[in-house]
Each structure stands twice: as structure tokens, then as C-alpha cells.
Amino acid sequence: MATIKIKQVRSRIGCPKTQRRTLDALGLRKTGRVVEHEDNPAILGMVEKVKHLVSVEK
């Protein structure tokens, strides 16, 4: 299956608790960190929820 790279580009400070939990579930805890996940609907849904805080590469 294909993978995507997700990078946190903005701070979580001031974000709602649900968005902070979504970043934790993705494995992003600090600005500038990059994680790699499989390209599936669950991960893409989480990325959509925090799209203003992250950037995605295929």
C-alpha cells in the first residue's frame, strides 16, 4: 500500500483539544516533525481535520 509523509508545520498552541488529540494520534508532537503513514481513509480523515497545521507529501 502507498504511504504518505505528514509534517507538522504550525504549532498546536491555541488549538481545540480534539485537534491536539488528532495530532497525537498521528504521532506529531512538535513542529517540524515528519511521520510516515499508510494512505488509507482513516489517516486521510485525520489529516483533513488538522489540514491547517500539517503538510502532506505522497
PDB file of N, CA and C in Angstrom:
ATOM      1  N   MET A   1       0.833  -1.187   0.000  1.00  0.00           N
ATOM      2  CA  MET A   1       0.000   0.000   0.000  1.00  0.00           C
ATOM      3  C   MET A   1       0.879   1.253   0.000  1.00  0.00           C
ATOM      4  N   ALA A   2       0.369   2.317  -0.576  1.00  0.00           N
ATOM      5  CA  ALA A   2       1.119   3.568  -0.673  1.00  0.00           C
ATOM      6  C   ALA A   2       1.241   4.232   0.693  1.00  0.00           C
ATOM      7  N   THR A   3       2.304   5.012   0.852  1.00  0.00           N
ATOM      8  CA  THR A   3       2.492   5.742   2.098  1.00  0.00           C
ATOM      9  C   THR A   3       2.510   7.235   1.813  1.00  0.00           C
ATOM     10  N   ILE A   4       2.200   8.015   2.848  1.00  0.00           N
ATOM     11  CA  ILE A   4       2.262   9.459   2.744  1.00  0.00           C
ATOM     12  C   ILE A   4       3.114   9.979   3.893  1.00  0.00           C
ATOM     13  N   LYS A   5       3.793  11.096   3.641  1.00  0.00           N
ATOM     14  CA  LYS A   5       4.584  11.753   4.686  1.00  0.00           C
ATOM     15  C   LYS A   5       3.798  12.960   5.164  1.00  0.00           C
ATOM     16  N   ILE A   6       3.652  13.065   6.483  1.00  0.00           N
ATOM     17  CA  ILE A   6       2.906  14.157   7.087  1.00  0.00           C
ATOM     18  C   ILE A   6       3.864  14.949   7.956  1.00  0.00           C
ATOM     19  N   LYS A   7       3.941  16.257   7.743  1.00  0.00           N
ATOM     20  CA  LYS A   7       4.833  17.121   8.505  1.00  0.00           C
ATOM     21  C   LYS A   7       4.016  18.183   9.227  1.00  0.00           C
ATOM     22  N   GLN A   8       4.263  18.358  10.524  1.00  0.00           N
ATOM     23  CA  GLN A   8       3.593  19.403  11.277  1.00  0.00           C
ATOM     24  C   GLN A   8       4.316  20.714  11.010  1.00  0.00           C
ATOM     25  N   VAL A   9       3.593  21.688  10.455  1.00  0.00           N
ATOM     26  CA  VAL A   9       4.213  22.954  10.076  1.00  0.00           C
ATOM     27  C   VAL A   9       3.769  24.119  10.952  1.00  0.00           C
ATOM     28  N   ARG A  10       2.702  23.954  11.712  1.00  0.00           N
ATOM     29  CA  ARG A  10       2.236  25.008  12.614  1.00  0.00           C
ATOM     30  C   ARG A  10       2.068  24.446  14.015  1.00  0.00           C
ATOM     31  N   SER A  11       2.119  25.329  14.995  1.00  0.00           N
ATOM     32  CA  SER A  11       2.033  24.938  16.402  1.00  0.00           C
ATOM     33  C   SER A  11       0.613  24.534  16.782  1.00  0.00           C
ATOM     34  N   ARG A  12       0.525  23.655  17.779  1.00  0.00           N
ATOM     35  CA  ARG A  12      -0.758  23.208  18.298  1.00  0.00           C
ATOM     36  C   ARG A  12      -1.278  24.126  19.392  1.00  0.00           C
ATOM     37  N   ILE A  13      -0.496  25.127  19.779  1.00  0.00           N
ATOM     38  CA  ILE A  13      -0.903  26.042  20.845  1.00  0.00           C
ATOM     39  C   ILE A  13      -2.156  26.807  20.406  1.00  0.00           C
ATOM     40  N   GLY A  14      -3.161  26.802  21.241  1.00  0.00           N
ATOM     41  CA  GLY A  14      -4.403  27.500  20.949  1.00  0.00           C
ATOM     42  C   GLY A  14      -5.408  26.697  20.159  1.00  0.00           C
ATOM     43  N   CYS A  15      -5.064  25.462  19.780  1.00  0.00           N
ATOM     44  CA  CYS A  15      -5.978  24.614  19.026  1.00  0.00           C
ATOM     45  C   CYS A  15      -6.941  23.904  19.971  1.00  0.00           C
ATOM     46  N   PRO A  16      -8.120  23.542  19.480  1.00  0.00           N
ATOM     47  CA  PRO A  16      -9.048  22.772  20.302  1.00  0.00           C
ATOM     48  C   PRO A  16      -8.445  21.417  20.701  1.00  0.00           C
ATOM     49  N   LYS A  17      -8.958  20.878  21.789  1.00  0.00           N
ATOM     50  CA  LYS A  17      -8.433  19.627  22.320  1.00  0.00           C
ATOM     51  C   LYS A  17      -8.560  18.478  21.314  1.00  0.00           C
ATOM     52  N   THR A  18      -9.631  18.464  20.532  1.00  0.00           N
ATOM     53  CA  THR A  18      -9.812  17.383  19.557  1.00  0.00           C
ATOM     54  C   THR A  18      -8.716  17.400  18.501  1.00  0.00           C
ATOM     55  N   GLN A  19      -8.296  18.599  18.088  1.00  0.00           N
ATOM     56  CA  GLN A  19      -7.228  18.694  17.092  1.00  0.00           C
ATOM     57  C   GLN A  19      -5.889  18.282  17.690  1.00  0.00           C
ATOM     58  N   ARG A  20      -5.646  18.628  18.951  1.00  0.00           N
ATOM     59  CA  ARG A  20      -4.409  18.196  19.613  1.00  0.00           C
ATOM     60  C   ARG A  20      -4.369  16.680  19.725  1.00  0.00           C
ATOM     61  N   ARG A  21      -5.497  16.076  20.042  1.00  0.00           N
ATOM     62  CA  ARG A  21      -5.559  14.607  20.135  1.00  0.00           C
ATOM     63  C   ARG A  21      -5.345  13.958  18.765  1.00  0.00           C
ATOM     64  N   THR A  22      -5.843  14.596  17.724  1.00  0.00           N
ATOM     65  CA  THR A  22      -5.630  14.074  16.373  1.00  0.00           C
ATOM     66  C   THR A  22      -4.152  14.113  16.012  1.00  0.00           C
ATOM     67  N   LEU A  23      -3.464  15.200  16.351  1.00  0.00           N
ATOM     68  CA  LEU A  23      -2.022  15.281  16.097  1.00  0.00           C
ATOM     69  C   LEU A  23      -1.285  14.196  16.882  1.00  0.00           C
ATOM     70  N   ASP A  24      -1.688  13.958  18.140  1.00  0.00           N
ATOM     71  CA  ASP A  24      -1.071  12.893  18.933  1.00  0.00           C
ATOM     72  C   ASP A  24      -1.284  11.536  18.285  1.00  0.00           C
ATOM     73  N   ALA A  25      -2.494  11.296  17.775  1.00  0.00           N
ATOM     74  CA  ALA A  25      -2.802  10.011  17.136  1.00  0.00           C
ATOM     75  C   ALA A  25      -1.975   9.806  15.867  1.00  0.00           C
ATOM     76  N   LEU A  26      -1.654  10.897  15.198  1.00  0.00           N
ATOM     77  CA  LEU A  26      -0.804  10.810  14.009  1.00  0.00           C
ATOM     78  C   LEU A  26       0.668  10.662  14.368  1.00  0.00           C
ATOM     79  N   GLY A  27       1.013  10.924  15.621  1.00  0.00           N
ATOM     80  CA  GLY A  27       2.402  10.807  16.053  1.00  0.00           C
ATOM     81  C   GLY A  27       3.164  12.117  15.944  1.00  0.00           C
ATOM     82  N   LEU A  28       2.442  13.228  15.837  1.00  0.00           N
ATOM     83  CA  LEU A  28       3.071  14.546  15.705  1.00  0.00           C
ATOM     84  C   LEU A  28       2.953  15.284  17.027  1.00  0.00           C
ATOM     85  N   ARG A  29       4.089  15.554  17.653  1.00  0.00           N
ATOM     86  CA  ARG A  29       4.075  16.209  18.951  1.00  0.00           C
ATOM     87  C   ARG A  29       4.840  17.529  18.953  1.00  0.00           C
ATOM     88  N   LYS A  30       5.658  17.774  17.945  1.00  0.00           N
ATOM     89  CA  LYS A  30       6.420  19.011  17.859  1.00  0.00           C
ATOM     90  C   LYS A  30       6.392  19.530  16.424  1.00  0.00           C
ATOM     91  N   THR A  31       6.477  20.837  16.291  1.00  0.00           N
ATOM     92  CA  THR A  31       6.528  21.456  14.968  1.00  0.00           C
ATOM     93  C   THR A  31       7.798  21.011  14.242  1.00  0.00           C
ATOM     94  N   GLY A  32       7.649  20.681  12.973  1.00  0.00           N
ATOM     95  CA  GLY A  32       8.790  20.261  12.167  1.00  0.00           C
ATOM     96  C   GLY A  32       8.969  18.755  12.083  1.00  0.00           C
ATOM     97  N   ARG A  33       8.246  18.005  12.892  1.00  0.00           N
ATOM     98  CA  ARG A  33       8.373  16.543  12.858  1.00  0.00           C
ATOM     99  C   ARG A  33       7.680  15.973  11.624  1.00  0.00           C
ATOM    100  N   VAL A  34       8.226  14.874  11.114  1.00  0.00           N
ATOM    101  CA  VAL A  34       7.669  14.195   9.946  1.00  0.00           C
ATOM    102  C   VAL A  34       7.394  12.750  10.318  1.00  0.00           C
ATOM    103  N   VAL A  35       6.207  12.264   9.971  1.00  0.00           N
ATOM    104  CA  VAL A  35       5.854  10.865  10.186  1.00  0.00           C
ATOM    105  C   VAL A  35       5.374  10.283   8.867  1.00  0.00           C
ATOM    106  N   GLU A  36       5.446   8.976   8.764  1.00  0.00           N
ATOM    107  CA  GLU A  36       5.021   8.281   7.562  1.00  0.00           C
ATOM    108  C   GLU A  36       3.899   7.320   7.929  1.00  0.00           C
ATOM    109  N   HIS A  37       2.782   7.399   7.207  1.00  0.00           N
ATOM    110  CA  HIS A  37       1.630   6.532   7.452  1.00  0.00           C
ATOM    111  C   HIS A  37       1.151   5.959   6.127  1.00  0.00           C
ATOM    112  N   GLU A  38       0.398   4.851   6.224  1.00  0.00           N
ATOM    113  CA  GLU A  38      -0.220   4.292   5.032  1.00  0.00           C
ATOM    114  C   GLU A  38      -1.335   5.219   4.563  1.00  0.00           C
ATOM    115  N   ASP A  39      -1.546   5.212   3.272  1.00  0.00           N
ATOM    116  CA  ASP A  39      -2.562   6.063   2.653  1.00  0.00           C
ATOM    117  C   ASP A  39      -3.902   5.339   2.716  1.00  0.00           C
ATOM    118  N   ASN A  40      -4.642   5.503   3.818  1.00  0.00           N
ATOM    119  CA  ASN A  40      -5.958   4.881   3.955  1.00  0.00           C
ATOM    120  C   ASN A  40      -6.971   5.920   4.418  1.00  0.00           C
ATOM    121  N   PRO A  41      -8.260   5.624   4.320  1.00  0.00           N
ATOM    122  CA  PRO A  41      -9.289   6.612   4.649  1.00  0.00           C
ATOM    123  C   PRO A  41      -9.224   7.143   6.082  1.00  0.00           C
ATOM    124  N   ALA A  42      -8.830   6.327   7.053  1.00  0.00           N
ATOM    125  CA  ALA A  42      -8.759   6.773   8.443  1.00  0.00           C
ATOM    126  C   ALA A  42      -7.683   7.848   8.612  1.00  0.00           C
ATOM    127  N   ILE A  43      -6.512   7.622   8.054  1.00  0.00           N
ATOM    128  CA  ILE A  43      -5.418   8.592   8.150  1.00  0.00           C
ATOM    129  C   ILE A  43      -5.763   9.863   7.380  1.00  0.00           C
ATOM    130  N   LEU A  44      -6.345   9.715   6.193  1.00  0.00           N
ATOM    131  CA  LEU A  44      -6.706  10.888   5.396  1.00  0.00           C
ATOM    132  C   LEU A  44      -7.773  11.728   6.095  1.00  0.00           C
ATOM    133  N   GLY A  45      -8.678  11.091   6.837  1.00  0.00           N
ATOM    134  CA  GLY A  45      -9.680  11.816   7.602  1.00  0.00           C
ATOM    135  C   GLY A  45      -9.044  12.617   8.726  1.00  0.00           C
ATOM    136  N   MET A  46      -8.047  12.020   9.394  1.00  0.00           N
ATOM    137  CA  MET A  46      -7.353  12.737  10.459  1.00  0.00           C
ATOM    138  C   MET A  46      -6.575  13.925   9.894  1.00  0.00           C
ATOM    139  N   VAL A  47      -5.941  13.724   8.747  1.00  0.00           N
ATOM    140  CA  VAL A  47      -5.188  14.808   8.105  1.00  0.00           C
ATOM    141  C   VAL A  47      -6.134  15.935   7.707  1.00  0.00           C
ATOM    142  N   GLU A  48      -7.323  15.591   7.224  1.00  0.00           N
ATOM    143  CA  GLU A  48      -8.302  16.611   6.829  1.00  0.00           C
ATOM    144  C   GLU A  48      -8.725  17.459   8.027  1.00  0.00           C
ATOM    145  N   LYS A  49      -8.791  16.848   9.196  1.00  0.00           N
ATOM    146  CA  LYS A  49      -9.216  17.561  10.402  1.00  0.00           C
ATOM    147  C   LYS A  49      -8.184  18.600  10.851  1.00  0.00           C
ATOM    148  N   VAL A  50      -6.903  18.332  10.586  1.00  0.00           N
ATOM    149  CA  VAL A  50      -5.835  19.247  11.006  1.00  0.00           C
ATOM    150  C   VAL A  50      -5.045  19.781   9.804  1.00  0.00           C
ATOM    151  N   LYS A  51      -5.705  19.919   8.678  1.00  0.00           N
ATOM    152  CA  LYS A  51      -5.015  20.306   7.441  1.00  0.00           C
ATOM    153  C   LYS A  51      -4.359  21.679   7.520  1.00  0.00           C
ATOM    154  N   HIS A  52      -4.823  22.545   8.421  1.00  0.00           N
ATOM    155  CA  HIS A  52      -4.228  23.870   8.569  1.00  0.00           C
ATOM    156  C   HIS A  52      -2.952  23.830   9.401  1.00  0.00           C
ATOM    157  N   LEU A  53      -2.648  22.675  10.018  1.00  0.00           N
ATOM    158  CA  LEU A  53      -1.455  22.535  10.852  1.00  0.00           C
ATOM    159  C   LEU A  53      -0.371  21.664  10.219  1.00  0.00           C
ATOM    160  N   VAL A  54      -0.709  20.937   9.156  1.00  0.00           N
ATOM    161  CA  VAL A  54       0.221  19.970   8.578  1.00  0.00           C
ATOM    162  C   VAL A  54       0.364  20.171   7.083  1.00  0.00           C
ATOM    163  N   SER A  55       1.424  19.574   6.523  1.00  0.00           N
ATOM    164  CA  SER A  55       1.576  19.472   5.076  1.00  0.00           C
ATOM    165  C   SER A  55       1.755  18.003   4.730  1.00  0.00           C
ATOM    166  N   VAL A  56       1.319  17.610   3.544  1.00  0.00           N
ATOM    167  CA  VAL A  56       1.322  16.198   3.151  1.00  0.00           C
ATOM    168  C   VAL A  56       2.068  16.026   1.846  1.00  0.00           C
ATOM    169  N   GLU A  57       2.916  14.983   1.803  1.00  0.00           N
ATOM    170  CA  GLU A  57       3.611  14.590   0.567  1.00  0.00           C
ATOM    171  C   GLU A  57       3.249  13.154   0.265  1.00  0.00           C
ATOM    172  N   LYS A  58       3.069  12.848  -0.992  1.00  0.00           N
ATOM    173  CA  LYS A  58       2.751  11.474  -1.374  1.00  0.00           C
ATOM    174  C   LYS A  58       4.001  10.707  -1.663  1.00  0.00           C
TER     175      LYS A  58
END
